[in-house]
């Protein structure tokens, strides 16, 4: 893996970890929320999960592209 690809991968993994932590925080709040806070917690969890999913897909696509470029250069 090139240095550039490695650096991008590290940044993507860091971002994924941050997104995962946000989802976990919202999940914990969701478990502990009262009926009146349910909608806010549900919405926050959904948004955090969607952001994690988008970041995951983006990272996966980048890694696939880097792998394709590597195989073409061999």
N, C-alpha and C. Protein backbone atom coordinates (compact mmCIF):
# COMPACT_ATOMS: atom_id res chain seq x y z
N UNK A 1 0.85 -1.18 0.00
CA UNK A 1 0.00 0.00 0.00
C UNK A 1 0.90 1.24 0.00
N UNK A 2 0.60 2.19 -0.85
CA UNK A 2 1.40 3.41 -0.93
C UNK A 2 1.20 4.24 0.35
N UNK A 3 2.14 5.16 0.57
CA UNK A 3 2.04 6.02 1.75
C UNK A 3 0.77 6.87 1.72
N UNK A 4 0.41 7.35 0.55
CA UNK A 4 -0.81 8.15 0.42
C UNK A 4 -2.05 7.32 0.73
N UNK A 5 -2.10 6.12 0.19
CA UNK A 5 -3.23 5.23 0.45
C UNK A 5 -3.29 4.86 1.92
N UNK A 6 -2.13 4.61 2.51
CA UNK A 6 -2.08 4.26 3.93
C UNK A 6 -2.59 5.42 4.79
N UNK A 7 -2.17 6.63 4.44
CA UNK A 7 -2.61 7.81 5.19
C UNK A 7 -4.12 8.01 5.06
N UNK A 8 -4.64 7.85 3.83
CA UNK A 8 -6.09 7.98 3.64
C UNK A 8 -6.84 6.90 4.40
N UNK A 9 -6.29 5.70 4.40
CA UNK A 9 -6.94 4.61 5.13
C UNK A 9 -6.97 4.91 6.62
N UNK A 10 -5.87 5.43 7.16
CA UNK A 10 -5.82 5.77 8.58
C UNK A 10 -6.85 6.85 8.93
N UNK A 11 -6.94 7.85 8.06
CA UNK A 11 -7.92 8.92 8.30
C UNK A 11 -9.35 8.37 8.23
N UNK A 12 -9.58 7.49 7.28
CA UNK A 12 -10.91 6.90 7.14
C UNK A 12 -11.25 6.05 8.36
N UNK A 13 -10.28 5.26 8.82
CA UNK A 13 -10.51 4.44 10.01
C UNK A 13 -10.78 5.31 11.24
N UNK A 14 -10.04 6.41 11.36
CA UNK A 14 -10.27 7.32 12.47
C UNK A 14 -11.68 7.90 12.42
N UNK A 15 -12.10 8.28 11.23
CA UNK A 15 -13.45 8.81 11.06
C UNK A 15 -14.50 7.75 11.38
N UNK A 16 -14.26 6.52 10.95
CA UNK A 16 -15.19 5.43 11.26
C UNK A 16 -15.30 5.22 12.77
N UNK A 17 -14.17 5.28 13.45
CA UNK A 17 -14.19 5.12 14.91
C UNK A 17 -15.01 6.23 15.57
N UNK A 18 -14.84 7.47 15.08
CA UNK A 18 -15.61 8.58 15.63
C UNK A 18 -17.10 8.37 15.38
N UNK A 19 -17.45 7.96 14.18
CA UNK A 19 -18.86 7.73 13.86
C UNK A 19 -19.42 6.59 14.71
N UNK A 20 -18.63 5.55 14.90
CA UNK A 20 -19.07 4.42 15.72
C UNK A 20 -19.32 4.88 17.16
N UNK A 21 -18.45 5.74 17.67
CA UNK A 21 -18.62 6.26 19.03
C UNK A 21 -19.91 7.08 19.13
N UNK A 22 -20.21 7.87 18.10
CA UNK A 22 -21.45 8.65 18.11
C UNK A 22 -22.67 7.74 18.12
N UNK A 23 -22.63 6.70 17.31
CA UNK A 23 -23.75 5.75 17.29
C UNK A 23 -23.89 5.10 18.66
N UNK A 24 -22.77 4.71 19.25
CA UNK A 24 -22.81 4.09 20.58
C UNK A 24 -23.40 5.04 21.61
N UNK A 25 -23.01 6.31 21.57
CA UNK A 25 -23.55 7.29 22.51
C UNK A 25 -25.06 7.46 22.34
N UNK A 26 -25.49 7.54 21.10
CA UNK A 26 -26.92 7.68 20.87
C UNK A 26 -27.67 6.41 21.29
N UNK A 27 -27.06 5.28 21.06
CA UNK A 27 -27.69 4.02 21.47
C UNK A 27 -27.86 3.97 22.98
N UNK A 28 -26.83 4.38 23.71
CA UNK A 28 -26.92 4.39 25.17
C UNK A 28 -28.01 5.35 25.63
N UNK A 29 -28.07 6.53 25.00
CA UNK A 29 -29.12 7.48 25.35
C UNK A 29 -30.49 6.90 25.02
N UNK A 30 -30.57 6.23 23.90
CA UNK A 30 -31.83 5.62 23.48
C UNK A 30 -32.30 4.61 24.51
N UNK A 31 -31.41 3.80 25.01
CA UNK A 31 -31.77 2.79 26.02
C UNK A 31 -32.25 3.43 27.31
N UNK A 32 -31.69 4.58 27.65
CA UNK A 32 -32.00 5.21 28.93
C UNK A 32 -33.06 6.32 28.82
N UNK A 33 -33.53 6.60 27.64
CA UNK A 33 -34.42 7.74 27.46
C UNK A 33 -35.83 7.45 27.98
N UNK A 34 -36.46 8.51 28.41
CA UNK A 34 -37.86 8.42 28.85
C UNK A 34 -38.76 8.48 27.63
N UNK A 35 -40.02 8.24 27.84
CA UNK A 35 -40.98 8.27 26.73
C UNK A 35 -41.00 9.64 26.06
N UNK A 36 -40.85 10.70 26.84
CA UNK A 36 -40.90 12.06 26.26
C UNK A 36 -39.66 12.36 25.41
N UNK A 37 -38.56 11.70 25.71
CA UNK A 37 -37.32 11.95 24.97
C UNK A 37 -37.10 10.92 23.86
N UNK A 38 -38.02 9.97 23.76
CA UNK A 38 -37.84 8.87 22.81
C UNK A 38 -37.63 9.35 21.37
N UNK A 39 -38.46 10.26 20.89
CA UNK A 39 -38.38 10.71 19.50
C UNK A 39 -37.04 11.38 19.21
N UNK A 40 -36.59 12.24 20.11
CA UNK A 40 -35.30 12.92 19.91
C UNK A 40 -34.16 11.91 19.89
N UNK A 41 -34.19 10.98 20.81
CA UNK A 41 -33.14 9.96 20.87
C UNK A 41 -33.17 9.08 19.62
N UNK A 42 -34.36 8.70 19.19
CA UNK A 42 -34.49 7.85 18.00
C UNK A 42 -33.95 8.57 16.77
N UNK A 43 -34.30 9.84 16.63
CA UNK A 43 -33.84 10.62 15.49
C UNK A 43 -32.32 10.77 15.52
N UNK A 44 -31.77 11.07 16.69
CA UNK A 44 -30.32 11.21 16.82
C UNK A 44 -29.59 9.92 16.49
N UNK A 45 -30.12 8.81 16.97
CA UNK A 45 -29.52 7.52 16.67
C UNK A 45 -29.58 7.24 15.17
N UNK A 46 -30.71 7.50 14.56
CA UNK A 46 -30.86 7.26 13.12
C UNK A 46 -29.87 8.09 12.31
N UNK A 47 -29.72 9.35 12.68
CA UNK A 47 -28.78 10.22 11.97
C UNK A 47 -27.34 9.76 12.16
N UNK A 48 -26.99 9.38 13.38
CA UNK A 48 -25.63 8.90 13.65
C UNK A 48 -25.35 7.60 12.90
N UNK A 49 -26.33 6.72 12.87
CA UNK A 49 -26.16 5.45 12.17
C UNK A 49 -26.02 5.69 10.66
N UNK A 50 -26.80 6.59 10.13
CA UNK A 50 -26.72 6.91 8.70
C UNK A 50 -25.35 7.48 8.35
N UNK A 51 -24.83 8.37 9.19
CA UNK A 51 -23.51 8.94 8.95
C UNK A 51 -22.43 7.85 8.99
N UNK A 52 -22.54 6.94 9.93
CA UNK A 52 -21.60 5.82 10.01
C UNK A 52 -21.69 4.97 8.75
N UNK A 53 -22.88 4.68 8.31
CA UNK A 53 -23.08 3.86 7.12
C UNK A 53 -22.48 4.52 5.88
N UNK A 54 -22.70 5.81 5.73
CA UNK A 54 -22.15 6.54 4.58
C UNK A 54 -20.62 6.54 4.62
N UNK A 55 -20.05 6.77 5.82
CA UNK A 55 -18.60 6.78 5.94
C UNK A 55 -18.02 5.40 5.65
N UNK A 56 -18.69 4.37 6.13
CA UNK A 56 -18.26 3.00 5.88
C UNK A 56 -18.22 2.72 4.38
N UNK A 57 -19.30 3.05 3.69
CA UNK A 57 -19.38 2.82 2.25
C UNK A 57 -18.31 3.60 1.49
N UNK A 58 -18.08 4.83 1.91
CA UNK A 58 -17.06 5.66 1.27
C UNK A 58 -15.67 5.06 1.46
N UNK A 59 -15.38 4.63 2.67
CA UNK A 59 -14.08 4.02 2.97
C UNK A 59 -13.90 2.74 2.19
N UNK A 60 -14.93 1.93 2.14
CA UNK A 60 -14.86 0.67 1.40
C UNK A 60 -14.59 0.94 -0.08
N UNK A 61 -15.25 1.93 -0.64
CA UNK A 61 -15.07 2.28 -2.05
C UNK A 61 -13.63 2.75 -2.31
N UNK A 62 -13.11 3.60 -1.43
CA UNK A 62 -11.74 4.09 -1.58
C UNK A 62 -10.74 2.94 -1.53
N UNK A 63 -10.92 2.04 -0.58
CA UNK A 63 -10.00 0.92 -0.46
C UNK A 63 -10.08 0.01 -1.69
N UNK A 64 -11.27 -0.19 -2.21
CA UNK A 64 -11.42 -0.99 -3.43
C UNK A 64 -10.72 -0.32 -4.61
N UNK A 65 -10.86 1.00 -4.71
CA UNK A 65 -10.21 1.73 -5.79
C UNK A 65 -8.70 1.64 -5.68
N UNK A 66 -8.18 1.79 -4.44
CA UNK A 66 -6.74 1.68 -4.22
C UNK A 66 -6.24 0.28 -4.57
N UNK A 67 -7.00 -0.74 -4.24
CA UNK A 67 -6.62 -2.11 -4.55
C UNK A 67 -6.60 -2.31 -6.07
N UNK A 68 -7.56 -1.73 -6.76
CA UNK A 68 -7.61 -1.83 -8.22
C UNK A 68 -6.43 -1.14 -8.87
N UNK A 69 -6.06 0.01 -8.36
CA UNK A 69 -4.91 0.74 -8.89
C UNK A 69 -3.62 -0.04 -8.66
N UNK A 70 -3.52 -0.66 -7.49
CA UNK A 70 -2.33 -1.46 -7.18
C UNK A 70 -2.21 -2.64 -8.12
N UNK A 71 -3.32 -3.32 -8.37
CA UNK A 71 -3.27 -4.51 -9.23
C UNK A 71 -2.98 -4.12 -10.68
N UNK A 72 -3.42 -2.93 -11.09
CA UNK A 72 -3.14 -2.47 -12.45
C UNK A 72 -1.67 -2.10 -12.63
N UNK A 73 -1.03 -1.66 -11.56
CA UNK A 73 0.37 -1.22 -11.66
C UNK A 73 1.34 -2.38 -11.58
N UNK A 74 0.85 -3.56 -11.26
CA UNK A 74 1.74 -4.72 -11.12
C UNK A 74 1.98 -5.36 -12.46
